[in-house]
Amino acid sequence: MVEKLSRFGLTQRTSLLLLLLVALLASGALLVPKDAEAACCGWYTTTVYYFDAAKTQYAGECWNDGCSSDSGCTGTTNTAYHTLSRSCCETCQQ
């Protein structure tokens, strides 16, 4: 292996540093937020609760408006079955 590296003028230390640099750049790309999330300054979140696993029998819902600071719940909200949805309610100035 040392012979192959030296053929390209690379030492083991240089090869290791290059490998670490590539790994760092690749992991950094995973940490960058998606465009939609980066441009959103407030989220409207709704959780809908159901009495059954098929999610056909509505039980209640909770909401949280990150833009107007409004939140609340109606109906029964202590069931095991629910869905969560989020939508952007305020776009940041770019």
Protein backbone atom coordinates (compact mmCIF):
# COMPACT_ATOMS: atom_id res chain seq x y z
CA MET A 1 0.00 0.00 0.00
CA VAL A 2 2.85 2.37 0.81
CA GLU A 3 4.31 1.76 -2.66
CA LYS A 4 1.00 2.69 -4.31
CA LEU A 5 0.71 5.92 -2.32
CA SER A 6 4.29 6.95 -2.96
CA ARG A 7 3.78 6.42 -6.69
CA PHE A 8 1.34 9.38 -6.62
CA GLY A 9 3.60 11.43 -4.36
CA LEU A 10 1.36 10.95 -1.31
CA THR A 11 2.46 9.91 2.12
CA GLN A 12 0.21 7.97 4.47
CA ARG A 13 -0.31 11.11 6.55
CA THR A 14 -1.34 13.16 3.50
CA SER A 15 -3.73 10.43 2.37
CA LEU A 16 -5.30 10.30 5.81
CA LEU A 17 -5.77 14.08 5.86
CA LEU A 18 -7.41 13.99 2.43
CA LEU A 19 -9.74 11.22 3.55
CA LEU A 20 -10.72 13.17 6.68
CA LEU A 21 -11.32 16.32 4.60
CA VAL A 22 -13.63 14.46 2.22
CA ALA A 23 -15.53 12.93 5.16
CA LEU A 24 -15.90 16.34 6.81
CA LEU A 25 -17.23 17.94 3.65
CA ALA A 26 -19.68 15.10 3.09
CA SER A 27 -21.02 15.27 6.65
CA GLY A 28 -21.30 19.06 6.46
CA ALA A 29 -23.62 18.76 3.48
CA LEU A 30 -26.01 16.69 5.60
CA LEU A 31 -26.28 19.41 8.24
CA VAL A 32 -27.40 22.16 5.86
CA PRO A 33 -31.16 22.74 6.19
CA LYS A 34 -33.49 22.27 3.25
CA ASP A 35 -34.41 25.42 1.32
CA ALA A 36 -38.01 25.39 2.55
CA GLU A 37 -36.98 25.13 6.20
CA ALA A 38 -34.26 27.74 5.85
CA ALA A 39 -36.73 30.28 4.42
CA CYS A 40 -39.44 29.70 7.04
CA CYS A 41 -39.51 31.81 10.21
CA GLY A 42 -42.70 30.38 11.68
CA TRP A 43 -44.55 27.07 11.52
CA TYR A 44 -48.23 26.24 11.87
CA THR A 45 -48.42 22.75 13.37
CA THR A 46 -51.58 20.64 13.58
CA THR A 47 -51.91 17.29 15.34
CA VAL A 48 -55.12 15.37 14.59
CA TYR A 49 -56.10 12.56 16.97
CA TYR A 50 -58.13 9.45 16.08
CA PHE A 51 -59.86 6.73 18.07
CA ASP A 52 -58.76 3.92 15.73
CA ALA A 53 -55.55 2.76 14.07
CA ALA A 54 -57.05 3.18 10.59
CA LYS A 55 -57.43 6.90 11.42
CA THR A 56 -61.04 7.05 10.27
CA GLN A 57 -62.72 8.03 13.57
CA TYR A 58 -61.82 11.64 14.38
CA ALA A 59 -61.24 12.31 18.10
CA GLY A 60 -59.84 15.83 18.29
CA GLU A 61 -56.95 18.09 17.35
CA CYS A 62 -54.34 20.47 18.68
CA TRP A 63 -52.72 23.36 16.87
CA ASN A 64 -49.79 25.64 17.44
CA ASP A 65 -49.36 28.78 15.34
CA GLY A 66 -45.73 29.86 15.57
CA CYS A 67 -46.52 33.19 13.89
CA SER A 68 -49.40 34.44 16.03
CA SER A 69 -48.50 32.45 19.18
CA ASP A 70 -52.00 30.95 19.14
CA SER A 71 -52.42 27.36 20.31
CA GLY A 72 -55.14 25.13 21.63
CA CYS A 73 -56.93 21.81 21.52
CA THR A 74 -60.44 20.53 20.89
CA GLY A 75 -62.03 17.14 21.45
CA THR A 76 -60.16 14.14 22.82
CA THR A 77 -56.39 14.44 22.53
CA ASN A 78 -55.15 11.55 24.64
CA THR A 79 -55.47 8.80 22.04
CA ALA A 80 -52.59 6.70 20.72
CA TYR A 81 -53.33 7.41 17.05
CA HIS A 82 -52.48 10.77 15.53
CA THR A 83 -51.08 12.56 12.51
CA LEU A 84 -48.86 15.62 12.49
CA SER A 85 -48.69 18.27 9.78
CA ARG A 86 -46.58 21.40 9.49
CA SER A 87 -46.82 24.33 7.13
CA CYS A 88 -44.91 27.56 6.89
CA CYS A 89 -46.90 30.54 8.14
CA GLU A 90 -44.23 33.23 7.74
CA THR A 91 -41.40 33.48 5.24
CA CYS A 92 -38.14 35.09 6.32
CA GLN A 93 -36.74 38.07 4.50
CA GLN A 94 -34.02 36.85 2.18
